[in-house]
Structure formats: structure tokens, C-alpha cells
Amino acid sequence: MSRKKKGMPPQIMEVAFVLTFMFLILSTLATTTQQESKEKMLPDIDLGSLKDQKSEGSSSLKTVVISVRKGPTFFIDNEEIEFKKITEILRQRNPPSVQLRGDQNVPYGEITAVIGACMEAGIYNVALGYKTGS
């Protein structure tokens, strides 16, 4: 007796399998080739010149240190200022980040107020500094 199964004949199944396999291989090769050609199109950049521009240029690339002492008394880079001027000064300097240092006797609310002033100035990279040791 002959084997009769419902569905596609075995030759068509083999052809469909081979075509699917070839399609997978070709699509993988095409994707790899496209990625390589995109990388070749990128411009060459001299990273040394970028470092020189940063070091030569503006002080806006320098991290600003804000200190808070009991009272509260506020300092930006060792210069005493009023709290309401913090946002204005930060907007003028436009630093990439702020390091916030607080005296241990300063209420936490004063520290969060300074963080809020930094956020209002558009600076979201705020690091809390601390002293180690005695």
C-alpha cells in the first residue's frame, strides 16, 4: 500500500524548508552588511582635539561645589551667597554637575531645598559629598 497523508507532498515540504532556511541566512547577511556600511559612513573624529577644547574653553564644564553650614549659610565654590541666588548662579555657570556638601548640624530640609534649586536650574546630576574619618 502506498502512504497517503493529507497535506503537502514531501517534495514541496523539502523545497519550502530549503527556501525558508536560505531566506534566514540571506536576511542575516544583509543585516550584517547594512550595519557595517553604516559604521563605515561615520566621520572620523580626533578625540585629542575634543579634550583640548574642553580644557581650553569654558569653566562651565567644571563641577560646582555647594556647601551648606548651620544657620543656614550657603556657599558656592567657597563664596558665601544667599539661598535665593543659587538657581540664578547655577543657570549662569551651567555646570554639568553639582557636588553638595552639608554640615552635620544642618537640617535635612535645607539640603533638599538646595537640591530643588539645582533641579530648577536644570541640573539633575547632584552628588552628595561627605567627610570620612574623624
N, C-alpha and C. Protein backbone atom coordinates (compact mmCIF):
# COMPACT_ATOMS: atom_id res chain seq x y z
N MET A 1 0.83 -1.19 0.00
CA MET A 1 0.00 0.00 0.00
C MET A 1 0.87 1.25 0.00
N SER A 2 0.42 2.22 -0.63
CA SER A 2 1.15 3.48 -0.68
C SER A 2 0.78 4.34 0.51
N ARG A 3 1.76 5.11 0.88
CA ARG A 3 1.50 6.01 2.01
C ARG A 3 0.81 7.25 1.50
N LYS A 4 -0.35 7.51 1.96
CA LYS A 4 -1.06 8.72 1.58
C LYS A 4 -1.34 9.51 2.85
N LYS A 5 -0.80 10.69 2.87
CA LYS A 5 -1.04 11.58 4.00
C LYS A 5 -1.70 12.83 3.49
N LYS A 6 -2.50 13.39 4.34
CA LYS A 6 -3.12 14.64 3.97
C LYS A 6 -2.10 15.75 4.13
N GLY A 7 -2.20 16.75 3.33
CA GLY A 7 -1.27 17.87 3.40
C GLY A 7 -0.44 17.94 2.14
N MET A 8 0.69 18.67 2.27
CA MET A 8 1.55 18.86 1.10
C MET A 8 2.39 17.63 0.85
N PRO A 9 2.72 17.40 -0.41
CA PRO A 9 3.61 16.28 -0.73
C PRO A 9 5.01 16.53 -0.16
N PRO A 10 5.79 15.52 0.10
CA PRO A 10 7.11 15.67 0.72
C PRO A 10 8.06 16.54 -0.08
N GLN A 11 7.99 16.52 -1.42
CA GLN A 11 8.90 17.33 -2.21
C GLN A 11 8.64 18.82 -1.98
N ILE A 12 7.41 19.20 -1.88
CA ILE A 12 7.08 20.61 -1.65
C ILE A 12 7.52 21.02 -0.24
N MET A 13 7.39 20.14 0.72
CA MET A 13 7.84 20.44 2.09
C MET A 13 9.35 20.67 2.12
N GLU A 14 10.09 19.84 1.40
CA GLU A 14 11.53 19.99 1.35
C GLU A 14 11.92 21.31 0.70
N VAL A 15 11.26 21.67 -0.38
CA VAL A 15 11.53 22.92 -1.07
C VAL A 15 11.21 24.11 -0.15
N ALA A 16 10.07 24.04 0.54
CA ALA A 16 9.68 25.12 1.45
C ALA A 16 10.71 25.25 2.58
N PHE A 17 11.18 24.15 3.11
CA PHE A 17 12.18 24.17 4.17
C PHE A 17 13.49 24.80 3.69
N VAL A 18 13.94 24.40 2.51
CA VAL A 18 15.19 24.93 1.96
C VAL A 18 15.05 26.42 1.68
N LEU A 19 13.93 26.85 1.13
CA LEU A 19 13.71 28.27 0.85
C LEU A 19 13.68 29.09 2.14
N THR A 20 13.02 28.57 3.16
CA THR A 20 12.98 29.27 4.45
C THR A 20 14.37 29.39 5.04
N PHE A 21 15.13 28.33 4.99
CA PHE A 21 16.49 28.33 5.51
C PHE A 21 17.37 29.32 4.75
N MET A 22 17.24 29.36 3.42
CA MET A 22 18.02 30.30 2.60
C MET A 22 17.61 31.74 2.92
N PHE A 23 16.32 31.98 3.12
CA PHE A 23 15.84 33.32 3.45
C PHE A 23 16.45 33.79 4.77
N LEU A 24 16.49 32.92 5.77
CA LEU A 24 17.08 33.28 7.06
C LEU A 24 18.56 33.62 6.93
N ILE A 25 19.29 32.85 6.19
CA ILE A 25 20.72 33.10 6.00
C ILE A 25 20.94 34.41 5.26
N LEU A 26 20.20 34.63 4.18
CA LEU A 26 20.37 35.85 3.39
C LEU A 26 19.96 37.10 4.17
N SER A 27 18.90 37.02 4.94
CA SER A 27 18.48 38.19 5.72
C SER A 27 19.50 38.52 6.80
N THR A 28 20.12 37.53 7.40
CA THR A 28 21.16 37.76 8.40
C THR A 28 22.37 38.42 7.76
N LEU A 29 22.77 37.94 6.60
CA LEU A 29 23.91 38.54 5.90
C LEU A 29 23.61 39.97 5.48
N ALA A 30 22.40 40.23 5.01
CA ALA A 30 22.02 41.58 4.58
C ALA A 30 22.04 42.54 5.76
N THR A 31 21.54 42.11 6.91
CA THR A 31 21.53 42.96 8.10
C THR A 31 22.95 43.27 8.54
N THR A 32 23.83 42.29 8.54
CA THR A 32 25.22 42.49 8.93
C THR A 32 25.91 43.45 7.98
N THR A 33 25.67 43.32 6.69
CA THR A 33 26.28 44.20 5.70
C THR A 33 25.80 45.63 5.88
N GLN A 34 24.52 45.82 6.17
CA GLN A 34 23.98 47.16 6.38
C GLN A 34 24.63 47.81 7.59
N GLN A 35 24.80 47.07 8.68
CA GLN A 35 25.42 47.63 9.89
C GLN A 35 26.86 48.02 9.62
N GLU A 36 27.59 47.20 8.88
CA GLU A 36 28.98 47.51 8.58
C GLU A 36 29.08 48.75 7.71
N SER A 37 28.17 48.90 6.75
CA SER A 37 28.23 50.07 5.88
C SER A 37 27.89 51.34 6.65
N LYS A 38 27.00 51.26 7.64
CA LYS A 38 26.69 52.43 8.47
C LYS A 38 27.91 52.84 9.28
N GLU A 39 28.64 51.86 9.80
CA GLU A 39 29.83 52.16 10.58
C GLU A 39 30.90 52.81 9.70
N LYS A 40 31.00 52.39 8.46
CA LYS A 40 31.99 52.96 7.55
C LYS A 40 31.65 54.40 7.19
N MET A 41 30.36 54.77 7.28
CA MET A 41 29.93 56.10 6.92
C MET A 41 30.14 57.12 8.04
N LEU A 42 30.45 56.67 9.24
CA LEU A 42 30.65 57.60 10.35
C LEU A 42 31.91 58.43 10.11
N PRO A 43 31.85 59.71 10.48
CA PRO A 43 33.03 60.55 10.27
C PRO A 43 34.13 60.21 11.28
N ASP A 44 35.37 60.42 10.86
CA ASP A 44 36.49 60.23 11.76
C ASP A 44 36.56 61.42 12.71
N ILE A 45 36.76 61.14 13.98
CA ILE A 45 36.82 62.20 14.99
C ILE A 45 38.16 62.10 15.70
N ASP A 46 38.82 63.22 15.82
CA ASP A 46 40.06 63.28 16.56
C ASP A 46 39.73 63.59 18.02
N LEU A 47 39.75 62.57 18.87
CA LEU A 47 39.37 62.75 20.26
C LEU A 47 40.33 63.66 21.01
N GLY A 48 41.55 63.75 20.58
CA GLY A 48 42.52 64.64 21.20
C GLY A 48 42.08 66.09 21.10
N SER A 49 41.54 66.48 19.96
CA SER A 49 41.10 67.87 19.78
C SER A 49 39.90 68.18 20.66
N LEU A 50 39.04 67.18 20.90
CA LEU A 50 37.89 67.41 21.77
C LEU A 50 38.34 67.66 23.20
N LYS A 51 39.34 66.91 23.66
CA LYS A 51 39.85 67.11 25.02
C LYS A 51 40.48 68.49 25.17
N ASP A 52 41.19 68.93 24.12
CA ASP A 52 41.81 70.25 24.16
C ASP A 52 40.76 71.35 24.25
N GLN A 53 39.65 71.20 23.53
CA GLN A 53 38.60 72.20 23.55
C GLN A 53 37.99 72.30 24.94
N LYS A 54 37.80 71.18 25.60
CA LYS A 54 37.21 71.20 26.94
C LYS A 54 38.15 71.88 27.93
N SER A 55 39.44 71.57 27.86
CA SER A 55 40.37 72.12 28.84
C SER A 55 40.63 73.60 28.58
N GLU A 56 40.65 74.02 27.32
CA GLU A 56 40.90 75.41 26.99
C GLU A 56 39.74 76.30 27.36
N GLY A 57 38.57 75.83 27.02
CA GLY A 57 37.41 76.68 26.96
C GLY A 57 36.81 77.10 28.28
N SER A 58 35.59 76.79 28.42
CA SER A 58 34.77 77.41 29.45
C SER A 58 34.92 76.74 30.80
N SER A 59 34.61 77.53 31.80
CA SER A 59 34.58 76.99 33.15
C SER A 59 33.25 76.31 33.41
N SER A 60 32.34 76.35 32.43
CA SER A 60 31.03 75.73 32.61
C SER A 60 31.13 74.21 32.66
N LEU A 61 32.28 73.65 32.29
CA LEU A 61 32.45 72.21 32.35
C LEU A 61 32.96 71.75 33.71
N LYS A 62 33.14 72.68 34.62
CA LYS A 62 33.66 72.37 35.94
C LYS A 62 32.50 72.10 36.90
N THR A 63 32.64 71.07 37.72
CA THR A 63 31.64 70.77 38.73
C THR A 63 31.63 71.88 39.78
N VAL A 64 30.43 72.30 40.14
CA VAL A 64 30.26 73.35 41.15
C VAL A 64 30.05 72.69 42.50
N VAL A 65 30.71 73.23 43.54
CA VAL A 65 30.56 72.71 44.90
C VAL A 65 29.69 73.69 45.69
N ILE A 66 28.60 73.18 46.23
CA ILE A 66 27.73 73.98 47.09
C ILE A 66 27.84 73.43 48.50
N SER A 67 28.19 74.31 49.43
CA SER A 67 28.31 73.91 50.84
C SER A 67 27.21 74.58 51.64
N VAL A 68 26.67 73.85 52.61
CA VAL A 68 25.62 74.37 53.48
C VAL A 68 26.10 74.21 54.92
N ARG A 69 26.12 75.33 55.64
CA ARG A 69 26.52 75.30 57.04
C ARG A 69 25.34 75.68 57.92
N LYS A 70 25.48 75.39 59.20
CA LYS A 70 24.42 75.69 60.16
C LYS A 70 24.11 77.17 60.13
N GLY A 71 22.87 77.49 60.14
CA GLY A 71 22.47 78.89 60.13
C GLY A 71 21.16 79.14 59.41
N PRO A 72 20.89 78.72 58.23
CA PRO A 72 21.81 78.12 57.25
C PRO A 72 22.60 79.18 56.49
N THR A 73 23.82 78.83 56.16
CA THR A 73 24.69 79.67 55.35
C THR A 73 25.08 78.86 54.12
N PHE A 74 24.98 79.48 52.94
CA PHE A 74 25.24 78.78 51.69
C PHE A 74 26.48 79.33 51.01
N PHE A 75 27.26 78.41 50.42
CA PHE A 75 28.50 78.79 49.71
C PHE A 75 28.50 78.08 48.36
N ILE A 76 28.90 78.82 47.33
CA ILE A 76 29.16 78.20 46.02
C ILE A 76 30.64 78.43 45.75
N ASP A 77 31.37 77.34 45.67
CA ASP A 77 32.83 77.38 45.47
C ASP A 77 33.49 78.36 46.45
N ASN A 78 33.21 78.19 47.72
CA ASN A 78 33.77 78.97 48.84
C ASN A 78 33.37 80.45 48.84
N GLU A 79 32.37 80.83 48.09
CA GLU A 79 31.87 82.20 48.07
C GLU A 79 30.48 82.21 48.71
N GLU A 80 30.32 82.97 49.79
CA GLU A 80 29.04 82.99 50.50
C GLU A 80 27.98 83.69 49.65
N ILE A 81 26.81 83.06 49.58
CA ILE A 81 25.71 83.61 48.80
C ILE A 81 24.40 83.45 49.55
N GLU A 82 23.37 84.14 49.09
CA GLU A 82 22.02 83.97 49.63
C GLU A 82 21.36 82.79 48.92
N PHE A 83 20.45 82.13 49.63
CA PHE A 83 19.79 80.95 49.07
C PHE A 83 19.06 81.29 47.77
N LYS A 84 18.39 82.42 47.73
CA LYS A 84 17.58 82.75 46.56
C LYS A 84 18.41 82.99 45.30
N LYS A 85 19.72 83.15 45.44
CA LYS A 85 20.59 83.38 44.27
C LYS A 85 21.21 82.09 43.72
N ILE A 86 21.00 80.97 44.40
CA ILE A 86 21.61 79.70 43.97
C ILE A 86 21.17 79.33 42.56
N THR A 87 19.86 79.36 42.31
CA THR A 87 19.35 78.98 40.98
C THR A 87 19.90 79.90 39.90
N GLU A 88 19.92 81.19 40.16
CA GLU A 88 20.43 82.16 39.18
C GLU A 88 21.90 81.91 38.84
N ILE A 89 22.71 81.70 39.87
CA ILE A 89 24.15 81.47 39.66
C ILE A 89 24.37 80.17 38.89
N LEU A 90 23.62 79.13 39.23
CA LEU A 90 23.77 77.85 38.54
C LEU A 90 23.36 77.97 37.07
N ARG A 91 22.34 78.74 36.79
CA ARG A 91 21.93 78.94 35.39
C ARG A 91 23.02 79.67 34.61
N GLN A 92 23.68 80.63 35.26
CA GLN A 92 24.75 81.37 34.58
C GLN A 92 25.95 80.47 34.30
N ARG A 93 26.34 79.68 35.28
CA ARG A 93 27.54 78.83 35.12
C ARG A 93 27.27 77.59 34.29
N ASN A 94 26.05 77.07 34.39
CA ASN A 94 25.63 75.87 33.64
C ASN A 94 26.62 74.71 33.79
N PRO A 95 26.88 74.28 35.03
CA PRO A 95 27.83 73.18 35.22
C PRO A 95 27.20 71.83 34.86
N PRO A 96 28.02 70.83 34.54
CA PRO A 96 27.47 69.52 34.22
C PRO A 96 26.95 68.81 35.47
N SER A 97 27.51 69.16 36.63
CA SER A 97 27.07 68.52 37.87
C SER A 97 27.36 69.44 39.05
N VAL A 98 26.73 69.10 40.17
CA VAL A 98 26.91 69.85 41.41
C VAL A 98 27.26 68.86 42.51
N GLN A 99 28.25 69.23 43.31
CA GLN A 99 28.57 68.44 44.50
C GLN A 99 28.04 69.23 45.69
N LEU A 100 27.18 68.60 46.47
CA LEU A 100 26.53 69.25 47.59
C LEU A 100 27.13 68.73 48.88
N ARG A 101 27.66 69.66 49.69
CA ARG A 101 28.24 69.30 50.98
C ARG A 101 27.46 69.98 52.07
N GLY A 102 27.08 69.22 53.07
CA GLY A 102 26.30 69.78 54.17
C GLY A 102 26.93 69.49 55.51
N ASP A 103 26.90 70.49 56.39
CA ASP A 103 27.35 70.31 57.76
C ASP A 103 26.42 69.31 58.44
N GLN A 104 26.96 68.54 59.41
CA GLN A 104 26.13 67.53 60.07
C GLN A 104 25.02 68.13 60.91
N ASN A 105 25.13 69.42 61.25
CA ASN A 105 24.11 70.07 62.07
C ASN A 105 23.04 70.78 61.24
N VAL A 106 23.14 70.70 59.92
CA VAL A 106 22.17 71.35 59.04
C VAL A 106 20.94 70.44 58.91
N PRO A 107 19.74 70.99 59.10
CA PRO A 107 18.53 70.18 58.91
C PRO A 107 18.43 69.67 57.47
N TYR A 108 17.91 68.47 57.33
CA TYR A 108 17.82 67.83 56.02
C TYR A 108 16.97 68.66 55.05
N GLY A 109 16.02 69.40 55.58
CA GLY A 109 15.17 70.24 54.73
C GLY A 109 15.97 71.28 53.97
N GLU A 110 17.05 71.78 54.55
CA GLU A 110 17.90 72.77 53.86
C GLU A 110 18.63 72.11 52.69
N ILE A 111 19.05 70.88 52.88
CA ILE A 111 19.74 70.14 51.82
C ILE A 111 18.77 69.87 50.66
N THR A 112 17.55 69.43 50.99
CA THR A 112 16.58 69.17 49.92
C THR A 112 16.18 70.46 49.20
N ALA A 113 16.20 71.58 49.90
CA ALA A 113 15.89 72.86 49.25
C ALA A 113 16.97 73.20 48.22
N VAL A 114 18.23 72.92 48.54
CA VAL A 114 19.32 73.17 47.59
C VAL A 114 19.20 72.22 46.39
N ILE A 115 18.84 70.97 46.63
CA ILE A 115 18.64 70.02 45.53
C ILE A 115 17.51 70.52 44.63
N GLY A 116 16.45 71.05 45.23
CA GLY A 116 15.35 71.62 44.45
C GLY A 116 15.80 72.81 43.61
N ALA A 117 16.66 73.66 44.18
CA ALA A 117 17.19 74.81 43.44
C ALA A 117 18.04 74.34 42.25
N CYS A 118 18.80 73.27 42.44
CA CYS A 118 19.60 72.71 41.34
C CYS A 118 18.69 72.20 40.23
N MET A 119 17.64 71.50 40.61
CA MET A 119 16.70 70.98 39.61
C MET A 119 16.00 72.12 38.88
N GLU A 120 15.67 73.17 39.60
CA GLU A 120 15.03 74.34 38.99
C GLU A 120 15.97 74.99 37.96
N ALA A 121 17.27 74.92 38.22
CA ALA A 121 18.26 75.47 37.30
C ALA A 121 18.55 74.52 36.13
N GLY A 122 17.97 73.32 36.16
CA GLY A 122 18.16 72.37 35.07
C GLY A 122 19.33 71.43 35.29
N ILE A 123 19.81 71.34 36.52
CA ILE A 123 20.93 70.44 36.84
C ILE A 123 20.38 69.28 37.66
N TYR A 124 20.46 68.09 37.08
CA TYR A 124 19.90 66.91 37.73
C TYR A 124 20.99 65.96 38.23
N ASN A 125 22.23 66.27 37.95
CA ASN A 125 23.35 65.46 38.42
C ASN A 125 23.91 66.09 39.67
N VAL A 126 23.34 65.71 40.82
CA VAL A 126 23.73 66.29 42.10
C VAL A 126 24.32 65.17 42.96
N ALA A 127 25.58 65.34 43.36
CA ALA A 127 26.24 64.34 44.19
C ALA A 127 26.34 64.89 45.62
N LEU A 128 26.10 64.02 46.57
CA LEU A 128 26.22 64.42 47.97
C LEU A 128 27.60 64.06 48.46
N GLY A 129 28.36 65.06 48.89
CA GLY A 129 29.70 64.83 49.39
C GLY A 129 29.66 64.56 50.88
N TYR A 130 30.64 63.83 51.37
CA TYR A 130 30.71 63.54 52.79
C TYR A 130 32.17 63.45 53.21
N LYS A 131 32.38 63.61 54.48
CA LYS A 131 33.73 63.56 55.03
C LYS A 131 33.94 62.23 55.72
N THR A 132 35.06 61.58 55.44
CA THR A 132 35.36 60.31 56.09
C THR A 132 36.36 60.55 57.22
N GLY A 133 36.40 59.66 58.13
CA GLY A 133 37.36 59.78 59.24
C GLY A 133 36.82 60.63 60.36
N SER A 134 37.73 61.20 61.17
CA SER A 134 37.30 61.97 62.33
C SER A 134 36.98 63.39 62.01
